[in-house]
Amino acid sequence: MFSEFGADALAGFSDPALMRKFSEDFQTKYYEKTLAMADKAPTLRGISPWILKDFRAPRRQHPIYQQGWNRKGLLSPTGRRKPAFYVLRDFFKAKQAAR
């Protein structure tokens, strides 16, 4: 079981040139690479990303990107799907189709 993986992304923040932490681009690339690695583990039987939706976390104090929120969710606090959501969705769809 591969549990609690993910990368912070502030919904709507894009930085394709630098791929900075907290950008949706960085989170998307992180999911692509992590899932590709997981796909090569023959004994892997499950994954659990951290976490589905951004949530309040008072100790997350980055003044620009966190502001009291854990931003590792695949959904914004308002439920907007971040691009990495679709990467994970497509990974599961491919697994289902291969069964």
PDB file of N, CA and C in Angstrom:
ATOM      1  N   MET A   1       0.847  -1.172   0.000  1.00  0.00           N
ATOM      2  CA  MET A   1       0.000   0.000   0.000  1.00  0.00           C
ATOM      3  C   MET A   1       0.891   1.233   0.000  1.00  0.00           C
ATOM      4  N   PHE A   2       0.579   2.150  -0.854  1.00  0.00           N
ATOM      5  CA  PHE A   2       1.324   3.405  -0.945  1.00  0.00           C
ATOM      6  C   PHE A   2       0.394   4.494  -0.432  1.00  0.00           C
ATOM      7  N   SER A   3       0.729   5.082   0.711  1.00  0.00           N
ATOM      8  CA  SER A   3      -0.202   6.034   1.312  1.00  0.00           C
ATOM      9  C   SER A   3       0.404   7.416   1.498  1.00  0.00           C
ATOM     10  N   GLU A   4      -0.472   8.354   1.580  1.00  0.00           N
ATOM     11  CA  GLU A   4      -0.169   9.742   1.919  1.00  0.00           C
ATOM     12  C   GLU A   4       0.927  10.371   1.064  1.00  0.00           C
ATOM     13  N   PHE A   5       0.688  10.432  -0.223  1.00  0.00           N
ATOM     14  CA  PHE A   5       1.596  11.143  -1.114  1.00  0.00           C
ATOM     15  C   PHE A   5       0.856  12.325  -1.715  1.00  0.00           C
ATOM     16  N   GLY A   6       1.593  13.337  -2.112  1.00  0.00           N
ATOM     17  CA  GLY A   6       0.970  14.502  -2.724  1.00  0.00           C
ATOM     18  C   GLY A   6       1.903  15.700  -2.707  1.00  0.00           C
ATOM     19  N   ALA A   7       1.441  16.783  -3.293  1.00  0.00           N
ATOM     20  CA  ALA A   7       2.215  18.019  -3.350  1.00  0.00           C
ATOM     21  C   ALA A   7       1.256  19.202  -3.240  1.00  0.00           C
ATOM     22  N   ASP A   8       1.693  20.222  -2.527  1.00  0.00           N
ATOM     23  CA  ASP A   8       0.868  21.418  -2.357  1.00  0.00           C
ATOM     24  C   ASP A   8       0.634  22.135  -3.677  1.00  0.00           C
ATOM     25  N   ALA A   9      -0.586  22.655  -3.852  1.00  0.00           N
ATOM     26  CA  ALA A   9      -0.904  23.488  -5.018  1.00  0.00           C
ATOM     27  C   ALA A   9      -2.022  24.444  -4.640  1.00  0.00           C
ATOM     28  N   LEU A  10      -1.753  25.711  -4.802  1.00  0.00           N
ATOM     29  CA  LEU A  10      -2.778  26.732  -4.610  1.00  0.00           C
ATOM     30  C   LEU A  10      -3.645  26.764  -5.861  1.00  0.00           C
ATOM     31  N   ALA A  11      -4.931  26.506  -5.700  1.00  0.00           N
ATOM     32  CA  ALA A  11      -5.848  26.462  -6.845  1.00  0.00           C
ATOM     33  C   ALA A  11      -5.755  27.753  -7.653  1.00  0.00           C
ATOM     34  N   GLY A  12      -5.536  27.596  -8.947  1.00  0.00           N
ATOM     35  CA  GLY A  12      -5.449  28.734  -9.848  1.00  0.00           C
ATOM     36  C   GLY A  12      -4.044  29.267 -10.061  1.00  0.00           C
ATOM     37  N   PHE A  13      -3.067  28.826  -9.262  1.00  0.00           N
ATOM     38  CA  PHE A  13      -1.690  29.299  -9.411  1.00  0.00           C
ATOM     39  C   PHE A  13      -0.953  28.391 -10.384  1.00  0.00           C
ATOM     40  N   SER A  14      -0.567  28.948 -11.511  1.00  0.00           N
ATOM     41  CA  SER A  14       0.142  28.207 -12.546  1.00  0.00           C
ATOM     42  C   SER A  14       1.537  28.795 -12.727  1.00  0.00           C
ATOM     43  N   ASP A  15       2.512  27.939 -12.909  1.00  0.00           N
ATOM     44  CA  ASP A  15       3.898  28.356 -13.118  1.00  0.00           C
ATOM     45  C   ASP A  15       4.616  27.325 -13.991  1.00  0.00           C
ATOM     46  N   PRO A  16       4.179  27.191 -15.263  1.00  0.00           N
ATOM     47  CA  PRO A  16       4.743  26.134 -16.111  1.00  0.00           C
ATOM     48  C   PRO A  16       6.223  26.308 -16.428  1.00  0.00           C
ATOM     49  N   ALA A  17       6.725  27.518 -16.408  1.00  0.00           N
ATOM     50  CA  ALA A  17       8.133  27.731 -16.754  1.00  0.00           C
ATOM     51  C   ALA A  17       9.061  27.269 -15.628  1.00  0.00           C
ATOM     52  N   LEU A  18       8.772  27.649 -14.388  1.00  0.00           N
ATOM     53  CA  LEU A  18       9.650  27.320 -13.267  1.00  0.00           C
ATOM     54  C   LEU A  18       9.200  26.086 -12.487  1.00  0.00           C
ATOM     55  N   MET A  19       7.931  25.698 -12.643  1.00  0.00           N
ATOM     56  CA  MET A  19       7.391  24.545 -11.923  1.00  0.00           C
ATOM     57  C   MET A  19       7.606  24.675 -10.412  1.00  0.00           C
ATOM     58  N   ARG A  20       7.360  25.880  -9.892  1.00  0.00           N
ATOM     59  CA  ARG A  20       7.569  26.112  -8.468  1.00  0.00           C
ATOM     60  C   ARG A  20       6.607  25.316  -7.599  1.00  0.00           C
ATOM     61  N   LYS A  21       7.094  24.968  -6.398  1.00  0.00           N
ATOM     62  CA  LYS A  21       6.238  24.350  -5.391  1.00  0.00           C
ATOM     63  C   LYS A  21       5.045  25.268  -5.170  1.00  0.00           C
ATOM     64  N   PHE A  22       3.897  24.699  -4.919  1.00  0.00           N
ATOM     65  CA  PHE A  22       2.619  25.376  -4.728  1.00  0.00           C
ATOM     66  C   PHE A  22       1.928  25.718  -6.044  1.00  0.00           C
ATOM     67  N   SER A  23       2.538  25.424  -7.186  1.00  0.00           N
ATOM     68  CA  SER A  23       1.842  25.649  -8.457  1.00  0.00           C
ATOM     69  C   SER A  23       1.077  24.381  -8.839  1.00  0.00           C
ATOM     70  N   GLU A  24      -0.015  24.561  -9.554  1.00  0.00           N
ATOM     71  CA  GLU A  24      -0.762  23.401 -10.041  1.00  0.00           C
ATOM     72  C   GLU A  24       0.079  22.590 -11.011  1.00  0.00           C
ATOM     73  N   ASP A  25       0.972  23.248 -11.716  1.00  0.00           N
ATOM     74  CA  ASP A  25       1.855  22.551 -12.661  1.00  0.00           C
ATOM     75  C   ASP A  25       2.781  21.588 -11.924  1.00  0.00           C
ATOM     76  N   PHE A  26       3.346  22.054 -10.796  1.00  0.00           N
ATOM     77  CA  PHE A  26       4.229  21.200  -9.998  1.00  0.00           C
ATOM     78  C   PHE A  26       3.449  20.012  -9.441  1.00  0.00           C
ATOM     79  N   GLN A  27       2.259  20.265  -8.899  1.00  0.00           N
ATOM     80  CA  GLN A  27       1.441  19.189  -8.346  1.00  0.00           C
ATOM     81  C   GLN A  27       1.087  18.160  -9.419  1.00  0.00           C
ATOM     82  N   THR A  28       0.724  18.639 -10.599  1.00  0.00           N
ATOM     83  CA  THR A  28       0.375  17.745 -11.701  1.00  0.00           C
ATOM     84  C   THR A  28       1.564  16.870 -12.085  1.00  0.00           C
ATOM     85  N   LYS A  29       2.727  17.475 -12.255  1.00  0.00           N
ATOM     86  CA  LYS A  29       3.935  16.718 -12.611  1.00  0.00           C
ATOM     87  C   LYS A  29       4.290  15.728 -11.510  1.00  0.00           C
ATOM     88  N   TYR A  30       4.123  16.127 -10.257  1.00  0.00           N
ATOM     89  CA  TYR A  30       4.390  15.238  -9.125  1.00  0.00           C
ATOM     90  C   TYR A  30       3.499  13.996  -9.214  1.00  0.00           C
ATOM     91  N   TYR A  31       2.208  14.201  -9.476  1.00  0.00           N
ATOM     92  CA  TYR A  31       1.291  13.059  -9.600  1.00  0.00           C
ATOM     93  C   TYR A  31       1.648  12.186 -10.799  1.00  0.00           C
ATOM     94  N   GLU A  32       1.978  12.804 -11.920  1.00  0.00           N
ATOM     95  CA  GLU A  32       2.340  12.009 -13.100  1.00  0.00           C
ATOM     96  C   GLU A  32       3.533  11.106 -12.799  1.00  0.00           C
ATOM     97  N   LYS A  33       4.568  11.659 -12.199  1.00  0.00           N
ATOM     98  CA  LYS A  33       5.784  10.889 -11.920  1.00  0.00           C
ATOM     99  C   LYS A  33       5.559   9.847 -10.823  1.00  0.00           C
ATOM    100  N   THR A  34       4.816  10.220  -9.794  1.00  0.00           N
ATOM    101  CA  THR A  34       4.567   9.293  -8.692  1.00  0.00           C
ATOM    102  C   THR A  34       3.728   8.111  -9.155  1.00  0.00           C
ATOM    103  N   LEU A  35       2.690   8.375  -9.947  1.00  0.00           N
ATOM    104  CA  LEU A  35       1.837   7.291 -10.423  1.00  0.00           C
ATOM    105  C   LEU A  35       2.562   6.404 -11.430  1.00  0.00           C
ATOM    106  N   ALA A  36       3.448   6.988 -12.234  1.00  0.00           N
ATOM    107  CA  ALA A  36       4.245   6.183 -13.164  1.00  0.00           C
ATOM    108  C   ALA A  36       5.165   5.245 -12.391  1.00  0.00           C
ATOM    109  N   MET A  37       5.747   5.740 -11.297  1.00  0.00           N
ATOM    110  CA  MET A  37       6.601   4.908 -10.455  1.00  0.00           C
ATOM    111  C   MET A  37       5.772   3.815  -9.791  1.00  0.00           C
ATOM    112  N   ALA A  38       4.607   4.183  -9.261  1.00  0.00           N
ATOM    113  CA  ALA A  38       3.738   3.199  -8.600  1.00  0.00           C
ATOM    114  C   ALA A  38       3.294   2.117  -9.572  1.00  0.00           C
ATOM    115  N   ASP A  39       3.085   2.484 -10.804  1.00  0.00           N
ATOM    116  CA  ASP A  39       2.630   1.534 -11.820  1.00  0.00           C
ATOM    117  C   ASP A  39       3.669   0.449 -12.102  1.00  0.00           C
ATOM    118  N   LYS A  40       4.914   0.713 -11.753  1.00  0.00           N
ATOM    119  CA  LYS A  40       5.992  -0.252 -11.996  1.00  0.00           C
ATOM    120  C   LYS A  40       6.233  -1.187 -10.816  1.00  0.00           C
ATOM    121  N   ALA A  41       5.480  -1.012  -9.727  1.00  0.00           N
ATOM    122  CA  ALA A  41       5.658  -1.847  -8.536  1.00  0.00           C
ATOM    123  C   ALA A  41       4.704  -3.042  -8.630  1.00  0.00           C
ATOM    124  N   PRO A  42       5.207  -4.219  -8.968  1.00  0.00           N
ATOM    125  CA  PRO A  42       4.324  -5.364  -9.226  1.00  0.00           C
ATOM    126  C   PRO A  42       3.529  -5.834  -8.013  1.00  0.00           C
ATOM    127  N   THR A  43       3.998  -5.570  -6.808  1.00  0.00           N
ATOM    128  CA  THR A  43       3.282  -6.045  -5.619  1.00  0.00           C
ATOM    129  C   THR A  43       2.388  -4.973  -5.000  1.00  0.00           C
ATOM    130  N   LEU A  44       2.338  -3.797  -5.581  1.00  0.00           N
ATOM    131  CA  LEU A  44       1.506  -2.715  -5.047  1.00  0.00           C
ATOM    132  C   LEU A  44       0.026  -3.073  -5.206  1.00  0.00           C
ATOM    133  N   ARG A  45      -0.733  -2.938  -4.137  1.00  0.00           N
ATOM    134  CA  ARG A  45      -2.143  -3.309  -4.163  1.00  0.00           C
ATOM    135  C   ARG A  45      -3.084  -2.146  -3.863  1.00  0.00           C
ATOM    136  N   GLY A  46      -2.547  -0.985  -3.552  1.00  0.00           N
ATOM    137  CA  GLY A  46      -3.418   0.146  -3.288  1.00  0.00           C
ATOM    138  C   GLY A  46      -2.636   1.435  -3.108  1.00  0.00           C
ATOM    139  N   ILE A  47      -3.319   2.552  -3.361  1.00  0.00           N
ATOM    140  CA  ILE A  47      -2.713   3.862  -3.149  1.00  0.00           C
ATOM    141  C   ILE A  47      -3.736   4.756  -2.450  1.00  0.00           C
ATOM    142  N   SER A  48      -3.213   5.723  -1.701  1.00  0.00           N
ATOM    143  CA  SER A  48      -4.074   6.662  -0.997  1.00  0.00           C
ATOM    144  C   SER A  48      -3.408   8.033  -0.991  1.00  0.00           C
ATOM    145  N   PRO A  49      -3.752   8.863  -1.955  1.00  0.00           N
ATOM    146  CA  PRO A  49      -3.151  10.194  -1.990  1.00  0.00           C
ATOM    147  C   PRO A  49      -3.559  11.022  -0.774  1.00  0.00           C
ATOM    148  N   TRP A  50      -2.718  11.956  -0.415  1.00  0.00           N
ATOM    149  CA  TRP A  50      -3.015  12.893   0.661  1.00  0.00           C
ATOM    150  C   TRP A  50      -3.249  14.234   0.002  1.00  0.00           C
ATOM    151  N   ILE A  51      -4.350  14.700  -0.047  1.00  0.00           N
ATOM    152  CA  ILE A  51      -5.673  14.377   0.434  1.00  0.00           C
ATOM    153  C   ILE A  51      -6.648  14.822  -0.652  1.00  0.00           C
ATOM    154  N   LEU A  52      -7.909  14.474  -0.555  1.00  0.00           N
ATOM    155  CA  LEU A  52      -8.844  14.810  -1.622  1.00  0.00           C
ATOM    156  C   LEU A  52      -9.099  16.321  -1.723  1.00  0.00           C
ATOM    157  N   LYS A  53      -9.375  16.981  -0.609  1.00  0.00           N
ATOM    158  CA  LYS A  53      -9.772  18.394  -0.641  1.00  0.00           C
ATOM    159  C   LYS A  53      -8.924  19.208   0.327  1.00  0.00           C
ATOM    160  N   ASP A  54      -8.503  20.392  -0.114  1.00  0.00           N
ATOM    161  CA  ASP A  54      -7.773  21.297   0.768  1.00  0.00           C
ATOM    162  C   ASP A  54      -8.580  21.517   2.050  1.00  0.00           C
ATOM    163  N   PHE A  55      -7.870  21.649   3.171  1.00  0.00           N
ATOM    164  CA  PHE A  55      -8.563  21.854   4.442  1.00  0.00           C
ATOM    165  C   PHE A  55      -7.795  22.830   5.319  1.00  0.00           C
ATOM    166  N   ARG A  56      -8.499  23.426   6.262  1.00  0.00           N
ATOM    167  CA  ARG A  56      -7.897  24.359   7.205  1.00  0.00           C
ATOM    168  C   ARG A  56      -6.857  23.644   8.048  1.00  0.00           C
ATOM    169  N   ALA A  57      -5.687  24.267   8.184  1.00  0.00           N
ATOM    170  CA  ALA A  57      -4.596  23.727   8.995  1.00  0.00           C
ATOM    171  C   ALA A  57      -3.811  24.921   9.540  1.00  0.00           C
ATOM    172  N   PRO A  58      -4.134  25.372  10.735  1.00  0.00           N
ATOM    173  CA  PRO A  58      -3.548  26.606  11.272  1.00  0.00           C
ATOM    174  C   PRO A  58      -2.030  26.660  11.261  1.00  0.00           C
ATOM    175  N   ARG A  59      -1.365  25.530  11.267  1.00  0.00           N
ATOM    176  CA  ARG A  59       0.110  25.547  11.271  1.00  0.00           C
ATOM    177  C   ARG A  59       0.697  25.729   9.883  1.00  0.00           C
ATOM    178  N   ARG A  60      -0.111  25.791   8.886  1.00  0.00           N
ATOM    179  CA  ARG A  60       0.357  26.038   7.509  1.00  0.00           C
ATOM    180  C   ARG A  60       0.403  27.543   7.318  1.00  0.00           C
ATOM    181  N   GLN A  61       1.585  28.110   7.464  1.00  0.00           N
ATOM    182  CA  GLN A  61       1.685  29.562   7.584  1.00  0.00           C
ATOM    183  C   GLN A  61       2.339  30.284   6.415  1.00  0.00           C
ATOM    184  N   HIS A  62       2.578  29.625   5.297  1.00  0.00           N
ATOM    185  CA  HIS A  62       3.180  30.364   4.182  1.00  0.00           C
ATOM    186  C   HIS A  62       2.249  31.529   3.852  1.00  0.00           C
ATOM    187  N   PRO A  63       2.759  32.762   3.886  1.00  0.00           N
ATOM    188  CA  PRO A  63       1.889  33.946   3.762  1.00  0.00           C
ATOM    189  C   PRO A  63       1.234  34.132   2.395  1.00  0.00           C
ATOM    190  N   ILE A  64       1.750  33.483   1.369  1.00  0.00           N
ATOM    191  CA  ILE A  64       1.173  33.638   0.036  1.00  0.00           C
ATOM    192  C   ILE A  64       0.351  32.411  -0.358  1.00  0.00           C
ATOM    193  N   TYR A  65       0.926  31.236  -0.184  1.00  0.00           N
ATOM    194  CA  TYR A  65       0.308  30.037  -0.742  1.00  0.00           C
ATOM    195  C   TYR A  65      -0.572  29.252   0.228  1.00  0.00           C
ATOM    196  N   GLN A  66      -0.242  29.265   1.508  1.00  0.00           N
ATOM    197  CA  GLN A  66      -1.012  28.443   2.440  1.00  0.00           C
ATOM    198  C   GLN A  66      -2.047  29.251   3.222  1.00  0.00           C
ATOM    199  N   GLN A  67      -1.639  30.270   3.905  1.00  0.00           N
ATOM    200  CA  GLN A  67      -2.551  31.132   4.671  1.00  0.00           C
ATOM    201  C   GLN A  67      -3.498  30.325   5.556  1.00  0.00           C
ATOM    202  N   GLY A  68      -2.935  29.345   6.277  1.00  0.00           N
ATOM    203  CA  GLY A  68      -3.735  28.544   7.186  1.00  0.00           C
ATOM    204  C   GLY A  68      -4.459  27.373   6.536  1.00  0.00           C
ATOM    205  N   TRP A  69      -4.037  26.984   5.335  1.00  0.00           N
ATOM    206  CA  TRP A  69      -4.663  25.871   4.617  1.00  0.00           C
ATOM    207  C   TRP A  69      -3.624  24.825   4.237  1.00  0.00           C
ATOM    208  N   ASN A  70      -3.986  23.557   4.327  1.00  0.00           N
ATOM    209  CA  ASN A  70      -3.190  22.492   3.736  1.00  0.00           C
ATOM    210  C   ASN A  70      -3.655  22.412   2.283  1.00  0.00           C
ATOM    211  N   ARG A  71      -2.766  22.675   1.347  1.00  0.00           N
ATOM    212  CA  ARG A  71      -3.107  22.783  -0.075  1.00  0.00           C
ATOM    213  C   ARG A  71      -2.786  21.536  -0.886  1.00  0.00           C
ATOM    214  N   LYS A  72      -2.600  20.407  -0.224  1.00  0.00           N
ATOM    215  CA  LYS A  72      -2.257  19.181  -0.962  1.00  0.00           C
ATOM    216  C   LYS A  72      -3.460  18.506  -1.601  1.00  0.00           C
ATOM    217  N   GLY A  73      -4.638  19.064  -1.416  1.00  0.00           N
ATOM    218  CA  GLY A  73      -5.838  18.463  -1.978  1.00  0.00           C
ATOM    219  C   GLY A  73      -5.872  18.500  -3.496  1.00  0.00           C
ATOM    220  N   LEU A  74      -6.662  17.599  -4.054  1.00  0.00           N
ATOM    221  CA  LEU A  74      -6.913  17.596  -5.492  1.00  0.00           C
ATOM    222  C   LEU A  74      -8.107  18.474  -5.839  1.00  0.00           C
ATOM    223  N   LEU A  75      -8.801  18.920  -4.800  1.00  0.00           N
ATOM    224  CA  LEU A  75      -9.916  19.862  -4.936  1.00  0.00           C
ATOM    225  C   LEU A  75      -9.603  21.093  -4.098  1.00  0.00           C
ATOM    226  N   SER A  76      -9.990  22.257  -4.595  1.00  0.00           N
ATOM    227  CA  SER A  76      -9.822  23.489  -3.834  1.00  0.00           C
ATOM    228  C   SER A  76     -10.823  23.509  -2.683  1.00  0.00           C
ATOM    229  N   PRO A  77     -10.715  24.469  -1.774  1.00  0.00           N
ATOM    230  CA  PRO A  77     -11.700  24.563  -0.699  1.00  0.00           C
ATOM    231  C   PRO A  77     -13.133  24.735  -1.206  1.00  0.00           C
ATOM    232  N   THR A  78     -13.287  25.264  -2.402  1.00  0.00           N
ATOM    233  CA  THR A  78     -14.629  25.452  -2.969  1.00  0.00           C
ATOM    234  C   THR A  78     -15.066  24.278  -3.840  1.00  0.00           C
ATOM    235  N   GLY A  79     -14.219  23.261  -3.947  1.00  0.00           N
ATOM    236  CA  GLY A  79     -14.565  22.066  -4.719  1.00  0.00           C
ATOM    237  C   GLY A  79     -14.080  22.077  -6.164  1.00  0.00           C
ATOM    238  N   ARG A  80     -13.348  23.111  -6.568  1.00  0.00           N
ATOM    239  CA  ARG A  80     -12.800  23.176  -7.927  1.00  0.00           C
ATOM    240  C   ARG A  80     -11.736  22.095  -8.094  1.00  0.00           C
ATOM    241  N   ARG A  81     -11.829  21.332  -9.158  1.00  0.00           N
ATOM    242  CA  ARG A  81     -10.857  20.276  -9.418  1.00  0.00           C
ATOM    243  C   ARG A  81      -9.564  20.884  -9.947  1.00  0.00           C
ATOM    244  N   LYS A  82      -8.466  20.532  -9.303  1.00  0.00           N
ATOM    245  CA  LYS A  82      -7.152  20.955  -9.772  1.00  0.00           C
ATOM    246  C   LYS A  82      -6.730  19.996 -10.889  1.00  0.00           C
ATOM    247  N   PRO A  83      -5.808  20.388 -11.763  1.00  0.00           N
ATOM    248  CA  PRO A  83      -5.406  19.519 -12.869  1.00  0.00           C
ATOM    249  C   PRO A  83      -4.917  18.131 -12.428  1.00  0.00           C
ATOM    250  N   ALA A  84      -4.271  18.032 -11.277  1.00  0.00           N
ATOM    251  CA  ALA A  84      -3.791  16.734 -10.797  1.00  0.00           C
ATOM    252  C   ALA A  84      -4.946  15.779 -10.519  1.00  0.00           C
ATOM    253  N   PHE A  85      -6.127  16.299 -10.237  1.00  0.00           N
ATOM    254  CA  PHE A  85      -7.311  15.457 -10.045  1.00  0.00           C
ATOM    255  C   PHE A  85      -7.521  14.575 -11.272  1.00  0.00           C
ATOM    256  N   TYR A  86      -7.381  15.169 -12.447  1.00  0.00           N
ATOM    257  CA  TYR A  86      -7.617  14.445 -13.697  1.00  0.00           C
ATOM    258  C   TYR A  86      -6.517  13.418 -13.973  1.00  0.00           C
ATOM    259  N   VAL A  87      -5.305  13.715 -13.522  1.00  0.00           N
ATOM    260  CA  VAL A  87      -4.213  12.742 -13.666  1.00  0.00           C
ATOM    261  C   VAL A  87      -4.551  11.491 -12.855  1.00  0.00           C
ATOM    262  N   LEU A  88      -4.998  11.682 -11.617  1.00  0.00           N
ATOM    263  CA  LEU A  88      -5.359  10.540 -10.777  1.00  0.00           C
ATOM    264  C   LEU A  88      -6.588   9.818 -11.330  1.00  0.00           C
ATOM    265  N   ARG A  89      -7.575  10.573 -11.776  1.00  0.00           N
ATOM    266  CA  ARG A  89      -8.770   9.961 -12.362  1.00  0.00           C
ATOM    267  C   ARG A  89      -8.403   9.077 -13.551  1.00  0.00           C
ATOM    268  N   ASP A  90      -7.570   9.594 -14.432  1.00  0.00           N
ATOM    269  CA  ASP A  90      -7.178   8.836 -15.622  1.00  0.00           C
ATOM    270  C   ASP A  90      -6.360   7.593 -15.253  1.00  0.00           C
ATOM    271  N   PHE A  91      -5.556   7.689 -14.209  1.00  0.00           N
ATOM    272  CA  PHE A  91      -4.785   6.536 -13.725  1.00  0.00           C
ATOM    273  C   PHE A  91      -5.733   5.427 -13.293  1.00  0.00           C
ATOM    274  N   PHE A  92      -6.757   5.782 -12.508  1.00  0.00           N
ATOM    275  CA  PHE A  92      -7.723   4.788 -12.055  1.00  0.00           C
ATOM    276  C   PHE A  92      -8.554   4.237 -13.201  1.00  0.00           C
ATOM    277  N   LYS A  93      -8.922   5.077 -14.155  1.00  0.00           N
ATOM    278  CA  LYS A  93      -9.680   4.600 -15.322  1.00  0.00           C
ATOM    279  C   LYS A  93      -8.862   3.586 -16.112  1.00  0.00           C
ATOM    280  N   ALA A  94      -7.586   3.849 -16.294  1.00  0.00           N
ATOM    281  CA  ALA A  94      -6.732   2.923 -17.031  1.00  0.00           C
ATOM    282  C   ALA A  94      -6.613   1.589 -16.282  1.00  0.00           C
ATOM    283  N   LYS A  95      -6.521   1.663 -14.968  1.00  0.00           N
ATOM    284  CA  LYS A  95      -6.443   0.439 -14.165  1.00  0.00           C
ATOM    285  C   LYS A  95      -7.730  -0.363 -14.305  1.00  0.00           C
ATOM    286  N   GLN A  96      -8.856   0.322 -14.278  1.00  0.00           N
ATOM    287  CA  GLN A  96     -10.150  -0.335 -14.391  1.00  0.00           C
ATOM    288  C   GLN A  96     -10.304  -0.984 -15.769  1.00  0.00           C
ATOM    289  N   ALA A  97      -9.875  -0.281 -16.810  1.00  0.00           N
ATOM    290  CA  ALA A  97      -9.989  -0.802 -18.164  1.00  0.00           C
ATOM    291  C   ALA A  97      -9.111  -2.034 -18.372  1.00  0.00           C
ATOM    292  N   ALA A  98      -7.992  -2.087 -17.647  1.00  0.00           N
ATOM    293  CA  ALA A  98      -7.058  -3.206 -17.812  1.00  0.00           C
ATOM    294  C   ALA A  98      -7.541  -4.477 -17.106  1.00  0.00           C
ATOM    295  N   ARG A  99      -8.552  -4.374 -16.298  1.00  0.00           N
ATOM    296  CA  ARG A  99      -9.049  -5.552 -15.556  1.00  0.00           C
ATOM    297  C   ARG A  99      -9.798  -6.503 -16.427  1.00  0.00           C
TER     298      ARG A  99
END
